[in-house]
Amino acid sequence: MKTIQGVLWDNDGVLVNTEQLFYESNRDLLLPYGLDLTPKQFFDWFLDNNYGAWHVLVGQGHAIELVDRLRAERTELFAQRLRQARQLAMPGIEHVLAALRPHVAMGVVTSAYEQHFRISHAATGLLPHFDFVLTREMYGDSKPAPDGYQLGLQRLGLAAAHCVAVEDSPRGLRAANAAGLECIVLRNPMNRHHAFDEAFCVVESMAELGAVLASFVPGMAPVGGQLEAFL
């Protein structure tokens, strides 16, 4: 049985329930330009291929200056919606983190920029569980490049073989694998249709995630049953 000493966590869609807000922010900005962004397009373009929907605007003949302006507007719109959200922490995640914390080192490796990360965690109470947070400004190329996870392993001071990553997107999974990490993928409404064939495993709930992680940590009590009761 695999044992681990460290866990590297994605943020959006894993720690906080923000993917829908980000999708809606992009969709609403693109609607006036004739693009009704569907959830499937959002997943394929933003969470899998990592090039957003800007290529569609450029293909329609819009200037790159428009794309730059819309990016800036999206940054502010997303920040506004994060501030307005009442509860962003994923249900049950605090129980999983609290159970893990005495046994393993943990860090966050996110594609979110610091501004959005800090707003999304303003009231979650989750950050004390982590040894560090790496936001997008802090490493080279974004996921699916391995840069963030490679830096995360350096900060943990551990080899990839002794750690796992937790992700919810194909590009995040590819980034973790490229850094030598086995990766657990957490299902959510946005990624239900994707197979994630390269994942170490795919879990359907926070309770299942807690049970899998507990199985990797000698001496750690199972948390799956407790989470089922909580959820």
Protein backbone atom coordinates (compact mmCIF):
# COMPACT_ATOMS: atom_id res chain seq x y z
CA MET A 1 0.00 0.00 0.00
CA LYS A 2 1.25 3.46 -0.91
CA THR A 3 2.19 5.73 1.98
CA ILE A 4 2.60 9.49 1.70
CA GLN A 5 4.26 12.31 3.60
CA GLY A 6 2.83 15.26 1.68
CA VAL A 7 -0.23 16.43 -0.25
CA LEU A 8 -0.36 19.23 -2.83
CA TRP A 9 -3.84 20.65 -3.37
CA ASP A 10 -5.41 22.46 -6.27
CA ASN A 11 -7.73 25.25 -5.14
CA ASP A 12 -10.68 26.04 -7.41
CA GLY A 13 -13.10 23.12 -7.54
CA VAL A 14 -11.21 21.25 -4.82
CA LEU A 15 -10.86 23.51 -1.77
CA VAL A 16 -13.39 26.15 -2.81
CA ASN A 17 -16.50 25.97 -4.96
CA THR A 18 -15.58 28.72 -7.43
CA GLU A 19 -15.56 27.09 -10.89
CA GLN A 20 -19.20 27.99 -11.58
CA LEU A 21 -18.58 31.63 -10.66
CA PHE A 22 -15.57 31.76 -12.99
CA TYR A 23 -17.59 30.16 -15.78
CA GLU A 24 -20.42 32.67 -15.34
CA SER A 25 -17.98 35.59 -15.31
CA ASN A 26 -16.54 34.52 -18.66
CA ARG A 27 -19.93 33.70 -20.16
CA ASP A 28 -21.49 37.03 -19.24
CA LEU A 29 -18.60 39.03 -20.72
CA LEU A 30 -18.63 37.08 -23.97
CA LEU A 31 -22.39 37.16 -24.61
CA PRO A 32 -22.40 40.67 -26.15
CA TYR A 33 -19.92 39.40 -28.77
CA GLY A 34 -22.15 36.58 -30.00
CA LEU A 35 -20.52 33.80 -28.00
CA ASP A 36 -22.87 31.95 -25.64
CA LEU A 37 -20.23 30.00 -23.73
CA THR A 38 -21.57 26.57 -22.76
CA PRO A 39 -20.35 24.59 -19.72
CA LYS A 40 -18.82 22.03 -22.11
CA GLN A 41 -16.92 24.73 -24.02
CA PHE A 42 -15.73 26.23 -20.74
CA PHE A 43 -14.45 22.87 -19.56
CA ASP A 44 -12.73 22.07 -22.87
CA TRP A 45 -11.18 25.48 -23.45
CA PHE A 46 -10.38 26.67 -19.93
CA LEU A 47 -9.93 23.51 -17.83
CA ASP A 48 -8.57 21.11 -20.42
CA ASN A 49 -6.76 22.99 -23.21
CA ASN A 50 -5.91 26.09 -21.12
CA TYR A 51 -6.47 28.71 -23.81
CA GLY A 52 -9.77 30.26 -22.76
CA ALA A 53 -12.30 31.54 -25.27
CA TRP A 54 -10.22 34.44 -26.52
CA HIS A 55 -9.26 32.54 -29.67
CA VAL A 56 -12.90 32.76 -30.79
CA LEU A 57 -12.91 36.56 -30.56
CA VAL A 58 -9.63 36.81 -32.43
CA GLY A 59 -11.01 34.45 -35.06
CA GLN A 60 -13.99 36.77 -35.47
CA GLY A 61 -11.60 39.60 -36.30
CA HIS A 62 -11.65 41.42 -32.96
CA ALA A 63 -8.48 43.25 -31.99
CA ILE A 64 -6.16 41.94 -29.31
CA GLU A 65 -6.84 45.19 -27.41
CA LEU A 66 -10.43 44.02 -26.90
CA VAL A 67 -9.19 40.72 -25.52
CA ASP A 68 -6.90 42.54 -23.09
CA ARG A 69 -9.76 44.76 -21.93
CA LEU A 70 -12.11 41.82 -21.44
CA ARG A 71 -9.47 39.94 -19.45
CA ALA A 72 -9.20 42.90 -17.11
CA GLU A 73 -12.99 43.20 -16.83
CA ARG A 74 -13.26 39.49 -16.10
CA THR A 75 -10.67 39.77 -13.33
CA GLU A 76 -12.77 42.43 -11.60
CA LEU A 77 -16.12 40.72 -12.26
CA PHE A 78 -14.87 37.42 -10.85
CA ALA A 79 -13.45 39.18 -7.79
CA GLN A 80 -16.80 40.90 -7.25
CA ARG A 81 -18.70 37.61 -7.41
CA LEU A 82 -16.27 35.94 -5.03
CA ARG A 83 -16.86 38.75 -2.52
CA GLN A 84 -20.61 38.33 -2.84
CA ALA A 85 -20.58 34.55 -2.34
CA ARG A 86 -21.67 33.48 1.14
CA GLN A 87 -19.98 30.09 1.47
CA LEU A 88 -17.14 29.01 -0.79
CA ALA A 89 -15.40 26.19 1.09
CA MET A 90 -16.25 22.82 -0.42
CA PRO A 91 -18.56 20.90 1.94
CA GLY A 92 -16.51 18.54 4.12
CA ILE A 93 -13.08 19.79 3.05
CA GLU A 94 -12.24 21.20 6.48
CA HIS A 95 -12.77 17.76 8.05
CA VAL A 96 -10.42 16.14 5.54
CA LEU A 97 -7.73 18.77 6.06
CA ALA A 98 -8.02 18.68 9.84
CA ALA A 99 -7.64 14.89 9.87
CA LEU A 100 -4.60 15.01 7.58
CA ARG A 101 -2.81 17.95 9.16
CA PRO A 102 -1.14 16.13 12.09
CA HIS A 103 0.28 13.48 9.76
CA VAL A 104 1.44 15.09 6.49
CA ALA A 105 2.85 18.33 5.09
CA MET A 106 0.46 20.19 2.79
CA GLY A 107 0.59 23.01 0.29
CA VAL A 108 -1.64 24.63 -2.30
CA VAL A 109 -0.62 24.88 -5.97
CA THR A 110 -3.19 26.97 -7.79
CA SER A 111 -3.59 28.68 -11.15
CA ALA A 112 -5.56 31.38 -9.36
CA TYR A 113 -3.95 34.76 -8.94
CA GLU A 114 -3.32 35.93 -5.39
CA GLN A 115 -6.12 38.50 -5.51
CA HIS A 116 -8.79 35.90 -6.25
CA PHE A 117 -7.24 33.30 -3.96
CA ARG A 118 -7.26 35.63 -0.96
CA ILE A 119 -10.85 36.75 -1.60
CA SER A 120 -12.07 33.16 -1.99
CA HIS A 121 -10.47 32.19 1.35
CA ALA A 122 -11.42 35.30 3.30
CA ALA A 123 -13.93 33.32 5.37
CA THR A 124 -13.10 29.64 4.76
CA GLY A 125 -10.76 29.13 7.71
CA LEU A 126 -8.79 26.60 5.65
CA LEU A 127 -5.44 28.34 5.25
CA PRO A 128 -3.93 27.37 8.65
CA HIS A 129 -3.92 23.75 7.46
CA PHE A 130 -1.29 24.53 4.80
CA ASP A 131 2.45 25.03 5.04
CA PHE A 132 2.44 27.33 1.99
CA VAL A 133 0.37 28.58 -0.93
CA LEU A 134 1.69 28.99 -4.48
CA THR A 135 -0.49 31.30 -6.56
CA ARG A 136 -0.07 31.91 -10.29
CA GLU A 137 2.39 34.78 -9.85
CA MET A 138 4.87 32.58 -7.98
CA TYR A 139 5.95 30.07 -10.64
CA GLY A 140 6.80 29.93 -14.35
CA ASP A 141 4.39 28.33 -16.81
CA SER A 142 0.80 27.62 -15.83
CA LYS A 143 -0.81 24.19 -15.68
CA PRO A 144 -0.57 21.84 -17.60
CA ALA A 145 3.14 22.68 -17.29
CA PRO A 146 4.64 21.08 -14.17
CA ASP A 147 6.28 24.27 -12.86
CA GLY A 148 3.89 24.89 -9.97
CA TYR A 149 3.99 21.32 -8.73
CA GLN A 150 7.76 21.12 -9.08
CA LEU A 151 8.08 24.22 -6.92
CA GLY A 152 5.54 22.76 -4.51
CA LEU A 153 7.66 19.63 -4.08
CA GLN A 154 10.70 21.80 -3.43
CA ARG A 155 8.81 23.71 -0.76
CA LEU A 156 7.67 20.46 0.85
CA GLY A 157 11.22 19.11 0.72
CA LEU A 158 9.85 15.76 -0.42
CA ALA A 159 10.20 13.51 -3.45
CA ALA A 160 7.18 13.13 -5.72
CA ALA A 161 7.01 9.43 -4.86
CA HIS A 162 6.16 10.34 -1.26
CA CYS A 163 3.34 12.75 -2.15
CA VAL A 164 0.06 12.98 -4.01
CA ALA A 165 -1.80 15.83 -5.68
CA VAL A 166 -5.55 16.49 -5.58
CA GLU A 167 -7.05 18.05 -8.71
CA ASP A 168 -10.30 18.50 -10.59
CA SER A 169 -9.22 19.44 -14.12
CA PRO A 170 -7.42 17.68 -17.00
CA ARG A 171 -4.75 20.37 -17.20
CA GLY A 172 -4.15 20.10 -13.46
CA LEU A 173 -3.88 16.33 -13.72
CA ARG A 174 -1.35 16.65 -16.55
CA ALA A 175 0.67 19.17 -14.54
CA ALA A 176 0.81 16.87 -11.52
CA ASN A 177 1.75 13.83 -13.59
CA ALA A 178 4.44 15.80 -15.43
CA ALA A 179 5.98 16.63 -12.05
CA GLY A 180 6.05 12.92 -11.20
CA LEU A 181 3.07 13.05 -8.84
CA GLU A 182 0.27 10.54 -8.64
CA CYS A 183 -2.97 12.50 -8.72
CA ILE A 184 -6.40 11.99 -7.22
CA VAL A 185 -9.21 13.70 -9.14
CA LEU A 186 -12.30 14.93 -7.30
CA ARG A 187 -15.52 14.84 -9.28
CA ASN A 188 -17.75 17.90 -9.46
CA PRO A 189 -20.61 18.98 -11.76
CA MET A 190 -18.18 20.66 -14.17
CA ASN A 191 -16.02 17.57 -14.81
CA ARG A 192 -18.59 14.73 -14.69
CA HIS A 193 -18.21 13.82 -18.37
CA HIS A 194 -14.41 13.50 -18.41
CA ALA A 195 -12.69 10.12 -17.98
CA PHE A 196 -9.39 11.21 -16.32
CA ASP A 197 -7.70 8.00 -17.46
CA GLU A 198 -4.26 9.14 -16.26
CA ALA A 199 -5.35 9.75 -12.67
CA PHE A 200 -4.25 7.54 -9.79
CA CYS A 201 -7.94 7.37 -8.96
CA VAL A 202 -11.13 9.40 -9.39
CA VAL A 203 -13.30 9.97 -6.32
CA GLU A 204 -16.96 10.84 -6.46
CA SER A 205 -17.30 12.68 -3.15
CA MET A 206 -15.40 14.43 -0.39
CA ALA A 207 -16.07 11.43 1.83
CA GLU A 208 -14.40 9.14 -0.69
CA LEU A 209 -11.47 11.53 -1.02
CA GLY A 210 -11.00 11.50 2.75
CA ALA A 211 -11.08 7.71 2.83
CA VAL A 212 -8.50 7.37 0.04
CA LEU A 213 -6.12 9.86 1.64
CA ALA A 214 -6.50 8.19 5.04
CA SER A 215 -5.50 4.87 3.47
CA PHE A 216 -2.15 6.44 2.49
CA VAL A 217 -1.28 7.67 6.00
CA PRO A 218 -0.29 5.12 8.66
CA GLY A 219 -1.97 5.82 11.99
CA MET A 220 -4.54 8.20 10.57
CA ALA A 221 -8.15 7.41 11.46
CA PRO A 222 -10.54 6.96 8.51
CA VAL A 223 -12.60 10.08 7.85
CA GLY A 224 -15.00 8.82 5.18
CA GLY A 225 -17.74 7.70 7.54
CA GLN A 226 -17.56 10.90 9.55
CA LEU A 227 -17.91 12.92 6.36
CA GLU A 228 -20.87 10.88 5.16
CA ALA A 229 -22.64 11.81 8.39
CA PHE A 230 -21.61 15.44 8.01
CA LEU A 231 -22.71 15.70 4.38
